[in-house]
């Protein structure tokens, strides 16, 4: 049974390979797919890189929005500014001691 399928396959494909136009088309498609300046392999890699850059772009846009709201809070409320300075830069008032507890 396998022999007959293989024989049918070659019976169908062999005349196509003997045709010079079909052979030229196959060589042309192979050249475009693998050897051309804009080959398919590079295009797929570039497409994947593009999608990764789009994800990074969305992440940074969200990060900018979060930082903008935090900056607005720091500029408008003095208590938030003092809290930020104490937590991030370990600033203190006179006659205060700071104890840092690490996990």
PDB file of N, CA and C in Angstrom:
ATOM      1  N   UNK A   1       0.827  -1.194   0.000  1.00  0.00           N
ATOM      2  CA  UNK A   1       0.000   0.000   0.000  1.00  0.00           C
ATOM      3  C   UNK A   1       0.870   1.257   0.000  1.00  0.00           C
ATOM      4  N   UNK A   2       1.936   1.269   0.821  1.00  0.00           N
ATOM      5  CA  UNK A   2       2.813   2.427   0.841  1.00  0.00           C
ATOM      6  C   UNK A   2       3.522   2.595  -0.495  1.00  0.00           C
ATOM      7  N   UNK A   3       3.859   1.489  -1.099  1.00  0.00           N
ATOM      8  CA  UNK A   3       4.552   1.553  -2.373  1.00  0.00           C
ATOM      9  C   UNK A   3       3.672   2.195  -3.446  1.00  0.00           C
ATOM     10  N   UNK A   4       2.401   1.914  -3.410  1.00  0.00           N
ATOM     11  CA  UNK A   4       1.507   2.490  -4.419  1.00  0.00           C
ATOM     12  C   UNK A   4       1.336   3.997  -4.193  1.00  0.00           C
ATOM     13  N   UNK A   5       1.275   4.418  -2.952  1.00  0.00           N
ATOM     14  CA  UNK A   5       1.164   5.866  -2.688  1.00  0.00           C
ATOM     15  C   UNK A   5       2.428   6.584  -3.122  1.00  0.00           C
ATOM     16  N   UNK A   6       3.565   5.985  -2.839  1.00  0.00           N
ATOM     17  CA  UNK A   6       4.821   6.587  -3.244  1.00  0.00           C
ATOM     18  C   UNK A   6       4.926   6.636  -4.763  1.00  0.00           C
ATOM     19  N   UNK A   7       4.493   5.577  -5.397  1.00  0.00           N
ATOM     20  CA  UNK A   7       4.509   5.527  -6.857  1.00  0.00           C
ATOM     21  C   UNK A   7       3.569   6.580  -7.443  1.00  0.00           C
ATOM     22  N   UNK A   8       2.391   6.757  -6.835  1.00  0.00           N
ATOM     23  CA  UNK A   8       1.449   7.777  -7.301  1.00  0.00           C
ATOM     24  C   UNK A   8       2.026   9.180  -7.093  1.00  0.00           C
ATOM     25  N   UNK A   9       2.703   9.377  -5.961  1.00  0.00           N
ATOM     26  CA  UNK A   9       3.315  10.678  -5.680  1.00  0.00           C
ATOM     27  C   UNK A   9       4.356  11.018  -6.739  1.00  0.00           C
ATOM     28  N   UNK A  10       5.258  10.089  -7.038  1.00  0.00           N
ATOM     29  CA  UNK A  10       6.285  10.335  -8.036  1.00  0.00           C
ATOM     30  C   UNK A  10       5.686  10.441  -9.440  1.00  0.00           C
ATOM     31  N   UNK A  11       4.645   9.707  -9.678  1.00  0.00           N
ATOM     32  CA  UNK A  11       3.975   9.782 -10.977  1.00  0.00           C
ATOM     33  C   UNK A  11       3.393  11.181 -11.192  1.00  0.00           C
ATOM     34  N   UNK A  12       2.969  11.816 -10.119  1.00  0.00           N
ATOM     35  CA  UNK A  12       2.385  13.156 -10.194  1.00  0.00           C
ATOM     36  C   UNK A  12       3.462  14.242 -10.163  1.00  0.00           C
ATOM     37  N   UNK A  13       4.528  14.050  -9.354  1.00  0.00           N
ATOM     38  CA  UNK A  13       5.516  15.103  -9.142  1.00  0.00           C
ATOM     39  C   UNK A  13       6.606  15.115 -10.215  1.00  0.00           C
ATOM     40  N   UNK A  14       6.952  13.982 -10.769  1.00  0.00           N
ATOM     41  CA  UNK A  14       8.049  13.903 -11.734  1.00  0.00           C
ATOM     42  C   UNK A  14       7.810  14.751 -12.984  1.00  0.00           C
ATOM     43  N   UNK A  15       6.626  14.745 -13.569  1.00  0.00           N
ATOM     44  CA  UNK A  15       6.430  15.641 -14.729  1.00  0.00           C
ATOM     45  C   UNK A  15       6.544  17.114 -14.357  1.00  0.00           C
ATOM     46  N   UNK A  16       6.164  17.476 -13.129  1.00  0.00           N
ATOM     47  CA  UNK A  16       6.303  18.876 -12.708  1.00  0.00           C
ATOM     48  C   UNK A  16       7.768  19.268 -12.593  1.00  0.00           C
ATOM     49  N   UNK A  17       8.599  18.355 -12.106  1.00  0.00           N
ATOM     50  CA  UNK A  17      10.019  18.672 -11.962  1.00  0.00           C
ATOM     51  C   UNK A  17      10.727  18.735 -13.312  1.00  0.00           C
ATOM     52  N   UNK A  18      10.210  18.067 -14.284  1.00  0.00           N
ATOM     53  CA  UNK A  18      10.808  18.127 -15.624  1.00  0.00           C
ATOM     54  C   UNK A  18      10.441  19.412 -16.352  1.00  0.00           C
ATOM     55  N   UNK A  19       9.373  20.066 -15.928  1.00  0.00           N
ATOM     56  CA  UNK A  19       8.935  21.306 -16.559  1.00  0.00           C
ATOM     57  C   UNK A  19       9.878  22.433 -16.122  1.00  0.00           C
ATOM     58  N   UNK A  20      10.456  23.161 -17.081  1.00  0.00           N
ATOM     59  CA  UNK A  20      11.429  24.197 -16.752  1.00  0.00           C
ATOM     60  C   UNK A  20      10.794  25.385 -16.024  1.00  0.00           C
ATOM     61  N   UNK A  21       9.539  25.657 -16.286  1.00  0.00           N
ATOM     62  CA  UNK A  21       8.880  26.780 -15.620  1.00  0.00           C
ATOM     63  C   UNK A  21       8.594  26.458 -14.152  1.00  0.00           C
ATOM     64  N   UNK A  22       8.173  25.245 -13.894  1.00  0.00           N
ATOM     65  CA  UNK A  22       7.922  24.834 -12.508  1.00  0.00           C
ATOM     66  C   UNK A  22       9.226  24.798 -11.725  1.00  0.00           C
ATOM     67  N   UNK A  23      10.269  24.269 -12.346  1.00  0.00           N
ATOM     68  CA  UNK A  23      11.572  24.222 -11.689  1.00  0.00           C
ATOM     69  C   UNK A  23      12.094  25.624 -11.405  1.00  0.00           C
ATOM     70  N   UNK A  24      11.909  26.539 -12.347  1.00  0.00           N
ATOM     71  CA  UNK A  24      12.320  27.934 -12.137  1.00  0.00           C
ATOM     72  C   UNK A  24      11.522  28.566 -11.001  1.00  0.00           C
ATOM     73  N   UNK A  25      10.239  28.286 -10.933  1.00  0.00           N
ATOM     74  CA  UNK A  25       9.406  28.812  -9.857  1.00  0.00           C
ATOM     75  C   UNK A  25       9.863  28.284  -8.499  1.00  0.00           C
ATOM     76  N   UNK A  26      10.189  27.008  -8.427  1.00  0.00           N
ATOM     77  CA  UNK A  26      10.657  26.417  -7.164  1.00  0.00           C
ATOM     78  C   UNK A  26      11.972  27.046  -6.728  1.00  0.00           C
ATOM     79  N   UNK A  27      12.903  27.228  -7.664  1.00  0.00           N
ATOM     80  CA  UNK A  27      14.183  27.863  -7.348  1.00  0.00           C
ATOM     81  C   UNK A  27      13.958  29.314  -6.910  1.00  0.00           C
ATOM     82  N   UNK A  28      13.089  30.021  -7.597  1.00  0.00           N
ATOM     83  CA  UNK A  28      12.791  31.412  -7.244  1.00  0.00           C
ATOM     84  C   UNK A  28      12.197  31.512  -5.839  1.00  0.00           C
ATOM     85  N   UNK A  29      11.236  30.652  -5.528  1.00  0.00           N
ATOM     86  CA  UNK A  29      10.625  30.676  -4.189  1.00  0.00           C
ATOM     87  C   UNK A  29      11.637  30.308  -3.112  1.00  0.00           C
ATOM     88  N   UNK A  30      12.518  29.355  -3.408  1.00  0.00           N
ATOM     89  CA  UNK A  30      13.580  29.014  -2.458  1.00  0.00           C
ATOM     90  C   UNK A  30      14.525  30.172  -2.234  1.00  0.00           C
ATOM     91  N   UNK A  31      14.864  30.877  -3.312  1.00  0.00           N
ATOM     92  CA  UNK A  31      15.738  32.042  -3.186  1.00  0.00           C
ATOM     93  C   UNK A  31      15.077  33.131  -2.333  1.00  0.00           C
ATOM     94  N   UNK A  32      13.818  33.406  -2.588  1.00  0.00           N
ATOM     95  CA  UNK A  32      13.096  34.427  -1.824  1.00  0.00           C
ATOM     96  C   UNK A  32      12.965  34.012  -0.358  1.00  0.00           C
ATOM     97  N   UNK A  33      12.723  32.746  -0.119  1.00  0.00           N
ATOM     98  CA  UNK A  33      12.482  32.281   1.245  1.00  0.00           C
ATOM     99  C   UNK A  33      13.741  32.290   2.100  1.00  0.00           C
ATOM    100  N   UNK A  34      14.912  32.006   1.509  1.00  0.00           N
ATOM    101  CA  UNK A  34      16.085  31.807   2.345  1.00  0.00           C
ATOM    102  C   UNK A  34      17.270  32.718   2.045  1.00  0.00           C
ATOM    103  N   UNK A  35      17.465  33.164   0.819  1.00  0.00           N
ATOM    104  CA  UNK A  35      18.697  33.855   0.474  1.00  0.00           C
ATOM    105  C   UNK A  35      18.535  35.338   0.168  1.00  0.00           C
ATOM    106  N   UNK A  36      17.350  35.804  -0.028  1.00  0.00           N
ATOM    107  CA  UNK A  36      17.128  37.197  -0.402  1.00  0.00           C
ATOM    108  C   UNK A  36      17.414  38.110   0.790  1.00  0.00           C
ATOM    109  N   UNK A  37      17.564  39.388   0.509  1.00  0.00           N
ATOM    110  CA  UNK A  37      17.824  40.369   1.570  1.00  0.00           C
ATOM    111  C   UNK A  37      16.651  40.429   2.565  1.00  0.00           C
ATOM    112  N   UNK A  38      15.444  40.296   2.081  1.00  0.00           N
ATOM    113  CA  UNK A  38      14.244  40.315   2.922  1.00  0.00           C
ATOM    114  C   UNK A  38      13.636  38.921   2.986  1.00  0.00           C
ATOM    115  N   UNK A  39      14.440  37.935   3.395  1.00  0.00           N
ATOM    116  CA  UNK A  39      13.948  36.561   3.379  1.00  0.00           C
ATOM    117  C   UNK A  39      12.929  36.312   4.488  1.00  0.00           C
ATOM    118  N   UNK A  40      12.263  35.189   4.398  1.00  0.00           N
ATOM    119  CA  UNK A  40      11.186  34.881   5.336  1.00  0.00           C
ATOM    120  C   UNK A  40      11.685  34.691   6.759  1.00  0.00           C
ATOM    121  N   UNK A  41      12.861  34.125   6.917  1.00  0.00           N
ATOM    122  CA  UNK A  41      13.401  33.902   8.261  1.00  0.00           C
ATOM    123  C   UNK A  41      13.611  35.233   8.968  1.00  0.00           C
ATOM    124  N   UNK A  42      14.225  36.186   8.282  1.00  0.00           N
ATOM    125  CA  UNK A  42      14.438  37.512   8.873  1.00  0.00           C
ATOM    126  C   UNK A  42      13.124  38.225   9.138  1.00  0.00           C
ATOM    127  N   UNK A  43      12.175  38.057   8.239  1.00  0.00           N
ATOM    128  CA  UNK A  43      10.873  38.716   8.430  1.00  0.00           C
ATOM    129  C   UNK A  43      10.163  38.182   9.668  1.00  0.00           C
ATOM    130  N   UNK A  44      10.235  36.884   9.903  1.00  0.00           N
ATOM    131  CA  UNK A  44       9.603  36.304  11.098  1.00  0.00           C
ATOM    132  C   UNK A  44      10.300  36.799  12.357  1.00  0.00           C
ATOM    133  N   UNK A  45      11.626  36.851  12.333  1.00  0.00           N
ATOM    134  CA  UNK A  45      12.363  37.365  13.488  1.00  0.00           C
ATOM    135  C   UNK A  45      12.022  38.834  13.748  1.00  0.00           C
ATOM    136  N   UNK A  46      11.943  39.618  12.691  1.00  0.00           N
ATOM    137  CA  UNK A  46      11.589  41.031  12.846  1.00  0.00           C
ATOM    138  C   UNK A  46      10.168  41.202  13.373  1.00  0.00           C
ATOM    139  N   UNK A  47       9.268  40.348  12.936  1.00  0.00           N
ATOM    140  CA  UNK A  47       7.889  40.409  13.415  1.00  0.00           C
ATOM    141  C   UNK A  47       7.818  40.080  14.901  1.00  0.00           C
ATOM    142  N   UNK A  48       8.553  39.067  15.340  1.00  0.00           N
ATOM    143  CA  UNK A  48       8.599  38.738  16.763  1.00  0.00           C
ATOM    144  C   UNK A  48       9.204  39.869  17.576  1.00  0.00           C
ATOM    145  N   UNK A  49      10.259  40.477  17.066  1.00  0.00           N
ATOM    146  CA  UNK A  49      10.881  41.603  17.753  1.00  0.00           C
ATOM    147  C   UNK A  49       9.916  42.790  17.825  1.00  0.00           C
ATOM    148  N   UNK A  50       9.161  43.009  16.773  1.00  0.00           N
ATOM    149  CA  UNK A  50       8.175  44.093  16.744  1.00  0.00           C
ATOM    150  C   UNK A  50       7.116  43.890  17.831  1.00  0.00           C
ATOM    151  N   UNK A  51       6.617  42.653  17.960  1.00  0.00           N
ATOM    152  CA  UNK A  51       5.612  42.377  18.983  1.00  0.00           C
ATOM    153  C   UNK A  51       6.187  42.564  20.385  1.00  0.00           C
ATOM    154  N   UNK A  52       7.437  42.174  20.585  1.00  0.00           N
ATOM    155  CA  UNK A  52       8.070  42.366  21.890  1.00  0.00           C
ATOM    156  C   UNK A  52       8.233  43.860  22.188  1.00  0.00           C
ATOM    157  N   UNK A  53       8.600  44.632  21.190  1.00  0.00           N
ATOM    158  CA  UNK A  53       8.742  46.076  21.383  1.00  0.00           C
ATOM    159  C   UNK A  53       7.399  46.740  21.670  1.00  0.00           C
ATOM    160  N   UNK A  54       6.335  46.244  21.059  1.00  0.00           N
ATOM    161  CA  UNK A  54       5.000  46.766  21.349  1.00  0.00           C
ATOM    162  C   UNK A  54       4.617  46.488  22.807  1.00  0.00           C
ATOM    163  N   UNK A  55       4.939  45.292  23.298  1.00  0.00           N
ATOM    164  CA  UNK A  55       4.670  44.967  24.702  1.00  0.00           C
ATOM    165  C   UNK A  55       5.466  45.881  25.625  1.00  0.00           C
ATOM    166  N   UNK A  56       6.749  46.097  25.283  1.00  0.00           N
ATOM    167  CA  UNK A  56       7.584  46.993  26.084  1.00  0.00           C
ATOM    168  C   UNK A  56       7.030  48.411  26.067  1.00  0.00           C
ATOM    169  N   UNK A  57       6.552  48.834  24.911  1.00  0.00           N
ATOM    170  CA  UNK A  57       5.985  50.181  24.779  1.00  0.00           C
ATOM    171  C   UNK A  57       4.782  50.346  25.709  1.00  0.00           C
ATOM    172  N   UNK A  58       3.888  49.352  25.723  1.00  0.00           N
ATOM    173  CA  UNK A  58       2.718  49.425  26.596  1.00  0.00           C
ATOM    174  C   UNK A  58       3.131  49.443  28.068  1.00  0.00           C
ATOM    175  N   UNK A  59       4.157  48.662  28.413  1.00  0.00           N
ATOM    176  CA  UNK A  59       4.655  48.643  29.796  1.00  0.00           C
ATOM    177  C   UNK A  59       5.181  50.023  30.187  1.00  0.00           C
ATOM    178  N   UNK A  60       5.978  50.627  29.320  1.00  0.00           N
ATOM    179  CA  UNK A  60       6.555  51.926  29.658  1.00  0.00           C
ATOM    180  C   UNK A  60       5.515  53.042  29.658  1.00  0.00           C
ATOM    181  N   UNK A  61       4.512  52.948  28.817  1.00  0.00           N
ATOM    182  CA  UNK A  61       3.431  53.938  28.859  1.00  0.00           C
ATOM    183  C   UNK A  61       2.705  53.861  30.194  1.00  0.00           C
ATOM    184  N   UNK A  62       2.425  52.642  30.657  1.00  0.00           N
ATOM    185  CA  UNK A  62       1.765  52.479  31.956  1.00  0.00           C
ATOM    186  C   UNK A  62       2.670  52.965  33.083  1.00  0.00           C
ATOM    187  N   UNK A  63       3.962  52.689  32.985  1.00  0.00           N
ATOM    188  CA  UNK A  63       4.919  53.135  33.996  1.00  0.00           C
ATOM    189  C   UNK A  63       4.972  54.665  34.042  1.00  0.00           C
ATOM    190  N   UNK A  64       4.931  55.314  32.887  1.00  0.00           N
ATOM    191  CA  UNK A  64       4.947  56.775  32.842  1.00  0.00           C
ATOM    192  C   UNK A  64       3.684  57.341  33.482  1.00  0.00           C
ATOM    193  N   UNK A  65       2.531  56.714  33.224  1.00  0.00           N
ATOM    194  CA  UNK A  65       1.285  57.179  33.847  1.00  0.00           C
ATOM    195  C   UNK A  65       1.358  57.045  35.363  1.00  0.00           C
ATOM    196  N   UNK A  66       1.852  55.916  35.845  1.00  0.00           N
ATOM    197  CA  UNK A  66       1.959  55.715  37.291  1.00  0.00           C
ATOM    198  C   UNK A  66       2.907  56.732  37.923  1.00  0.00           C
ATOM    199  N   UNK A  67       4.051  56.951  37.281  1.00  0.00           N
ATOM    200  CA  UNK A  67       5.023  57.909  37.812  1.00  0.00           C
ATOM    201  C   UNK A  67       4.491  59.336  37.756  1.00  0.00           C
ATOM    202  N   UNK A  68       3.709  59.639  36.729  1.00  0.00           N
ATOM    203  CA  UNK A  68       3.135  60.986  36.630  1.00  0.00           C
ATOM    204  C   UNK A  68       2.148  61.248  37.765  1.00  0.00           C
ATOM    205  N   UNK A  69       1.313  60.261  38.072  1.00  0.00           N
ATOM    206  CA  UNK A  69       0.374  60.444  39.190  1.00  0.00           C
ATOM    207  C   UNK A  69       1.118  60.535  40.514  1.00  0.00           C
ATOM    208  N   UNK A  70       2.175  59.742  40.664  1.00  0.00           N
ATOM    209  CA  UNK A  70       2.966  59.812  41.903  1.00  0.00           C
ATOM    210  C   UNK A  70       3.648  61.171  42.023  1.00  0.00           C
ATOM    211  N   UNK A  71       4.179  61.688  40.917  1.00  0.00           N
ATOM    212  CA  UNK A  71       4.811  63.001  40.921  1.00  0.00           C
ATOM    213  C   UNK A  71       3.803  64.090  41.250  1.00  0.00           C
ATOM    214  N   UNK A  72       2.604  63.986  40.694  1.00  0.00           N
ATOM    215  CA  UNK A  72       1.568  64.970  40.991  1.00  0.00           C
ATOM    216  C   UNK A  72       1.205  64.956  42.477  1.00  0.00           C
ATOM    217  N   UNK A  73       1.114  63.755  43.051  1.00  0.00           N
ATOM    218  CA  UNK A  73       0.822  63.657  44.482  1.00  0.00           C
ATOM    219  C   UNK A  73       1.937  64.262  45.316  1.00  0.00           C
ATOM    220  N   UNK A  74       3.180  64.048  44.922  1.00  0.00           N
ATOM    221  CA  UNK A  74       4.307  64.606  45.669  1.00  0.00           C
ATOM    222  C   UNK A  74       4.352  66.130  45.555  1.00  0.00           C
ATOM    223  N   UNK A  75       4.000  66.669  44.413  1.00  0.00           N
ATOM    224  CA  UNK A  75       4.037  68.118  44.224  1.00  0.00           C
ATOM    225  C   UNK A  75       2.888  68.826  44.922  1.00  0.00           C
ATOM    226  N   UNK A  76       1.751  68.158  45.119  1.00  0.00           N
ATOM    227  CA  UNK A  76       0.584  68.840  45.662  1.00  0.00           C
ATOM    228  C   UNK A  76       0.427  68.668  47.169  1.00  0.00           C
ATOM    229  N   UNK A  77       0.895  67.575  47.737  1.00  0.00           N
ATOM    230  CA  UNK A  77       0.669  67.316  49.161  1.00  0.00           C
ATOM    231  C   UNK A  77       2.008  67.223  49.885  1.00  0.00           C
ATOM    232  N   UNK A  78       2.173  68.073  50.874  1.00  0.00           N
ATOM    233  CA  UNK A  78       3.437  68.109  51.619  1.00  0.00           C
ATOM    234  C   UNK A  78       3.628  66.843  52.457  1.00  0.00           C
ATOM    235  N   UNK A  79       2.544  66.271  52.965  1.00  0.00           N
ATOM    236  CA  UNK A  79       2.668  65.045  53.762  1.00  0.00           C
ATOM    237  C   UNK A  79       3.177  63.875  52.911  1.00  0.00           C
ATOM    238  N   UNK A  80       2.710  63.779  51.676  1.00  0.00           N
ATOM    239  CA  UNK A  80       3.210  62.734  50.790  1.00  0.00           C
ATOM    240  C   UNK A  80       4.686  62.937  50.461  1.00  0.00           C
ATOM    241  N   UNK A  81       5.087  64.179  50.285  1.00  0.00           N
ATOM    242  CA  UNK A  81       6.481  64.480  50.002  1.00  0.00           C
ATOM    243  C   UNK A  81       7.371  64.075  51.175  1.00  0.00           C
ATOM    244  N   UNK A  82       6.923  64.381  52.377  1.00  0.00           N
ATOM    245  CA  UNK A  82       7.698  64.011  53.571  1.00  0.00           C
ATOM    246  C   UNK A  82       7.769  62.488  53.710  1.00  0.00           C
ATOM    247  N   UNK A  83       6.663  61.807  53.470  1.00  0.00           N
ATOM    248  CA  UNK A  83       6.633  60.343  53.554  1.00  0.00           C
ATOM    249  C   UNK A  83       7.576  59.732  52.519  1.00  0.00           C
ATOM    250  N   UNK A  84       7.561  60.262  51.304  1.00  0.00           N
ATOM    251  CA  UNK A  84       8.439  59.758  50.251  1.00  0.00           C
ATOM    252  C   UNK A  84       9.908  59.968  50.616  1.00  0.00           C
ATOM    253  N   UNK A  85      10.239  61.143  51.123  1.00  0.00           N
ATOM    254  CA  UNK A  85      11.624  61.441  51.488  1.00  0.00           C
ATOM    255  C   UNK A  85      12.096  60.535  52.621  1.00  0.00           C
ATOM    256  N   UNK A  86      11.234  60.270  53.567  1.00  0.00           N
ATOM    257  CA  UNK A  86      11.612  59.400  54.689  1.00  0.00           C
ATOM    258  C   UNK A  86      11.811  57.960  54.223  1.00  0.00           C
ATOM    259  N   UNK A  87      10.933  57.472  53.347  1.00  0.00           N
ATOM    260  CA  UNK A  87      11.017  56.072  52.920  1.00  0.00           C
ATOM    261  C   UNK A  87      12.123  55.837  51.907  1.00  0.00           C
ATOM    262  N   UNK A  88      12.259  56.708  50.919  1.00  0.00           N
ATOM    263  CA  UNK A  88      13.201  56.466  49.830  1.00  0.00           C
ATOM    264  C   UNK A  88      14.623  56.926  50.152  1.00  0.00           C
ATOM    265  N   UNK A  89      14.757  58.046  50.819  1.00  0.00           N
ATOM    266  CA  UNK A  89      16.077  58.627  51.036  1.00  0.00           C
ATOM    267  C   UNK A  89      16.511  58.591  52.504  1.00  0.00           C
ATOM    268  N   UNK A  90      15.724  57.944  53.336  1.00  0.00           N
ATOM    269  CA  UNK A  90      16.028  57.771  54.762  1.00  0.00           C
ATOM    270  C   UNK A  90      16.310  59.103  55.453  1.00  0.00           C
ATOM    271  N   UNK A  91      15.560  60.132  55.078  1.00  0.00           N
ATOM    272  CA  UNK A  91      15.706  61.434  55.713  1.00  0.00           C
ATOM    273  C   UNK A  91      14.997  61.412  57.055  1.00  0.00           C
ATOM    274  N   UNK A  92      15.447  62.262  57.948  1.00  0.00           N
ATOM    275  CA  UNK A  92      14.859  62.294  59.284  1.00  0.00           C
ATOM    276  C   UNK A  92      14.845  63.721  59.801  1.00  0.00           C
ATOM    277  N   UNK A  93      14.023  63.910  60.821  1.00  0.00           N
ATOM    278  CA  UNK A  93      13.987  65.199  61.505  1.00  0.00           C
ATOM    279  C   UNK A  93      15.066  65.207  62.576  1.00  0.00           C
ATOM    280  N   UNK A  94      15.341  66.381  63.104  1.00  0.00           N
ATOM    281  CA  UNK A  94      16.317  66.467  64.189  1.00  0.00           C
ATOM    282  C   UNK A  94      15.800  65.703  65.394  1.00  0.00           C
ATOM    283  N   UNK A  95      16.703  65.120  66.114  1.00  0.00           N
ATOM    284  CA  UNK A  95      16.402  64.349  67.323  1.00  0.00           C
ATOM    285  C   UNK A  95      15.558  63.106  67.023  1.00  0.00           C
ATOM    286  N   UNK A  96      15.719  62.533  65.829  1.00  0.00           N
ATOM    287  CA  UNK A  96      15.032  61.280  65.478  1.00  0.00           C
ATOM    288  C   UNK A  96      16.077  60.221  65.171  1.00  0.00           C
ATOM    289  N   UNK A  97      15.736  59.001  65.463  1.00  0.00           N
ATOM    290  CA  UNK A  97      16.584  57.861  65.098  1.00  0.00           C
ATOM    291  C   UNK A  97      15.835  57.019  64.085  1.00  0.00           C
ATOM    292  N   UNK A  98      16.590  56.479  63.121  1.00  0.00           N
ATOM    293  CA  UNK A  98      15.987  55.633  62.096  1.00  0.00           C
ATOM    294  C   UNK A  98      16.441  54.207  62.324  1.00  0.00           C
ATOM    295  N   UNK A  99      15.486  53.306  62.356  1.00  0.00           N
ATOM    296  CA  UNK A  99      15.790  51.881  62.469  1.00  0.00           C
ATOM    297  C   UNK A  99      15.303  51.203  61.189  1.00  0.00           C
ATOM    298  N   UNK A 100      16.215  50.545  60.480  1.00  0.00           N
ATOM    299  CA  UNK A 100      15.865  49.850  59.242  1.00  0.00           C
ATOM    300  C   UNK A 100      15.727  48.374  59.562  1.00  0.00           C
ATOM    301  N   UNK A 101      14.551  47.848  59.285  1.00  0.00           N
ATOM    302  CA  UNK A 101      14.276  46.430  59.531  1.00  0.00           C
ATOM    303  C   UNK A 101      14.264  45.726  58.179  1.00  0.00           C
ATOM    304  N   UNK A 102      15.223  44.817  57.976  1.00  0.00           N
ATOM    305  CA  UNK A 102      15.307  44.067  56.722  1.00  0.00           C
ATOM    306  C   UNK A 102      14.665  42.701  56.903  1.00  0.00           C
ATOM    307  N   UNK A 103      14.011  42.235  55.860  1.00  0.00           N
ATOM    308  CA  UNK A 103      13.388  40.906  55.932  1.00  0.00           C
ATOM    309  C   UNK A 103      14.435  39.819  55.833  1.00  0.00           C
TER     310      UNK A 103
END
